[in-house]
Amino acid sequence: MNHPAVAQILPASVFDYFLYFNTSGKATELSMAIPKILEAEFILSAPRPEQFPKSMLPEVAFWGRSNVGKSSLINTLLHRKNLVRTSSRPGCTQTINYFLINQKWYFVDLPGFWYS
């Protein structure tokens, strides 16, 4: 999209987010083209920050209370049943888990907090 009144928020290679401005300079519409996920792979579980991936790829983090379905949501978005480990017992995700999506960005499954 090469319109001068379009401000690109994130790199087009990750998500195609565009914020449109009318002639008064106010944002009028935010649209998103959700990228098709062609490949997804588990990269690592990191209990400490020094173990995080060194690449500077964008990350989409899944954060929330324990046992609300963060890992199940990732599996659903990836159209996979068992890529991300799930459990009915709260507190099973205890490390930060990285999944490389389309070789362009990460889904990051974070440990939950509290029990919902």
Protein backbone atom coordinates (compact mmCIF):
# COMPACT_ATOMS: atom_id res chain seq x y z
CA MET A 1 0.00 0.00 0.00
CA ASN A 2 1.71 3.20 -1.16
CA HIS A 3 -0.79 5.82 -0.10
CA PRO A 4 0.92 8.82 1.57
CA ALA A 5 -1.78 9.05 4.23
CA VAL A 6 -1.12 5.57 5.52
CA ALA A 7 1.05 5.07 8.58
CA GLN A 8 2.36 1.55 8.91
CA ILE A 9 2.46 0.45 12.53
CA LEU A 10 4.25 -2.93 12.28
CA PRO A 11 6.41 -4.40 9.53
CA ALA A 12 4.27 -5.70 6.69
CA SER A 13 6.17 -8.98 6.75
CA VAL A 14 4.73 -9.76 10.18
CA PHE A 15 1.24 -8.28 10.28
CA ASP A 16 -0.31 -5.91 7.80
CA TYR A 17 -1.61 -3.28 10.20
CA PHE A 18 -2.47 0.05 8.65
CA LEU A 19 -3.79 3.17 10.29
CA TYR A 20 -5.67 5.42 7.89
CA PHE A 21 -5.85 9.18 8.32
CA ASN A 22 -8.49 11.46 6.88
CA THR A 23 -7.68 14.97 5.66
CA SER A 24 -8.05 16.40 9.19
CA GLY A 25 -5.21 14.15 10.36
CA LYS A 26 -7.38 11.97 12.61
CA ALA A 27 -7.24 8.21 12.45
CA THR A 28 -10.37 6.87 10.84
CA GLU A 29 -9.85 3.14 10.45
CA LEU A 30 -7.55 0.42 11.69
CA SER A 31 -7.54 -2.74 9.65
CA MET A 32 -5.54 -5.90 9.98
CA ALA A 33 -4.77 -8.64 7.52
CA ILE A 34 -4.04 -11.75 9.58
CA PRO A 35 -1.11 -13.63 8.05
CA LYS A 36 -1.56 -17.25 7.09
CA ILE A 37 0.50 -19.47 9.35
CA LEU A 38 2.37 -21.85 7.11
CA GLU A 39 4.83 -23.27 9.59
CA ALA A 40 5.32 -23.30 13.34
CA GLU A 41 7.98 -24.94 15.40
CA PHE A 42 8.95 -25.12 19.04
CA ILE A 43 12.28 -23.34 19.56
CA LEU A 44 13.07 -23.41 23.27
CA SER A 45 11.91 -23.17 26.87
CA ALA A 46 13.73 -20.43 28.72
CA PRO A 47 13.62 -20.25 32.52
CA ARG A 48 16.07 -17.29 32.57
CA PRO A 49 16.39 -14.15 30.41
CA GLU A 50 19.91 -15.01 29.28
CA GLN A 51 18.42 -18.06 27.55
CA PHE A 52 15.96 -16.07 25.41
CA PRO A 53 16.51 -16.23 21.63
CA LYS A 54 19.16 -13.79 20.43
CA SER A 55 17.32 -12.90 17.22
CA MET A 56 15.48 -9.60 17.03
CA LEU A 57 12.30 -11.05 15.53
CA PRO A 58 8.98 -9.61 16.74
CA GLU A 59 7.19 -11.49 19.49
CA VAL A 60 3.50 -12.02 20.22
CA ALA A 61 3.24 -12.88 23.91
CA PHE A 62 0.35 -14.76 25.50
CA TRP A 63 0.01 -13.58 29.08
CA GLY A 64 -2.75 -14.07 31.62
CA ARG A 65 -3.97 -15.96 34.65
CA SER A 66 -3.20 -19.62 35.18
CA ASN A 67 -5.51 -22.17 33.62
CA VAL A 68 -7.41 -19.84 31.27
CA GLY A 69 -6.31 -21.50 28.03
CA LYS A 70 -3.29 -19.54 26.79
CA SER A 71 -1.55 -22.67 25.50
CA SER A 72 -4.79 -24.00 24.00
CA LEU A 73 -5.30 -20.68 22.21
CA ILE A 74 -1.84 -20.93 20.65
CA ASN A 75 -2.58 -24.49 19.47
CA THR A 76 -5.88 -23.27 17.98
CA LEU A 77 -4.24 -20.35 16.16
CA LEU A 78 -1.61 -22.70 14.76
CA HIS A 79 -4.19 -25.33 13.74
CA ARG A 80 -2.24 -27.89 15.75
CA LYS A 81 -3.43 -30.09 18.60
CA ASN A 82 -0.23 -30.83 20.46
CA LEU A 83 2.51 -28.35 19.56
CA VAL A 84 2.03 -26.46 22.83
CA ARG A 85 1.70 -28.60 25.93
CA THR A 86 -1.63 -28.11 27.72
CA SER A 87 -2.96 -29.32 31.06
CA SER A 88 -6.12 -29.02 33.10
CA ARG A 89 -3.94 -28.46 36.17
CA PRO A 90 -3.02 -24.80 36.81
CA GLY A 91 0.61 -23.73 36.86
CA CYS A 92 1.98 -26.26 34.36
CA THR A 93 3.69 -23.65 32.17
CA GLN A 94 6.67 -22.69 34.31
CA THR A 95 9.10 -21.47 31.66
CA ILE A 96 8.87 -19.00 28.79
CA ASN A 97 8.26 -21.05 25.65
CA TYR A 98 9.15 -19.76 22.18
CA PHE A 99 7.52 -20.93 18.95
CA LEU A 100 8.87 -19.68 15.62
CA ILE A 101 6.08 -18.78 13.20
CA ASN A 102 6.73 -18.63 9.43
CA GLN A 103 10.42 -17.96 10.20
CA LYS A 104 9.36 -14.32 10.81
CA TRP A 105 8.12 -13.91 14.39
CA TYR A 106 7.62 -15.73 17.68
CA PHE A 107 4.60 -16.76 19.67
CA VAL A 108 5.69 -16.67 23.30
CA ASP A 109 3.77 -18.76 25.84
CA LEU A 110 4.28 -17.15 29.25
CA PRO A 111 3.65 -18.75 32.63
CA GLY A 112 0.30 -17.84 34.15
CA PHE A 113 -0.21 -15.87 37.30
CA TRP A 114 -2.70 -16.68 40.07
CA TYR A 115 -5.39 -19.22 39.57
CA SER A 116 -8.57 -18.14 37.81
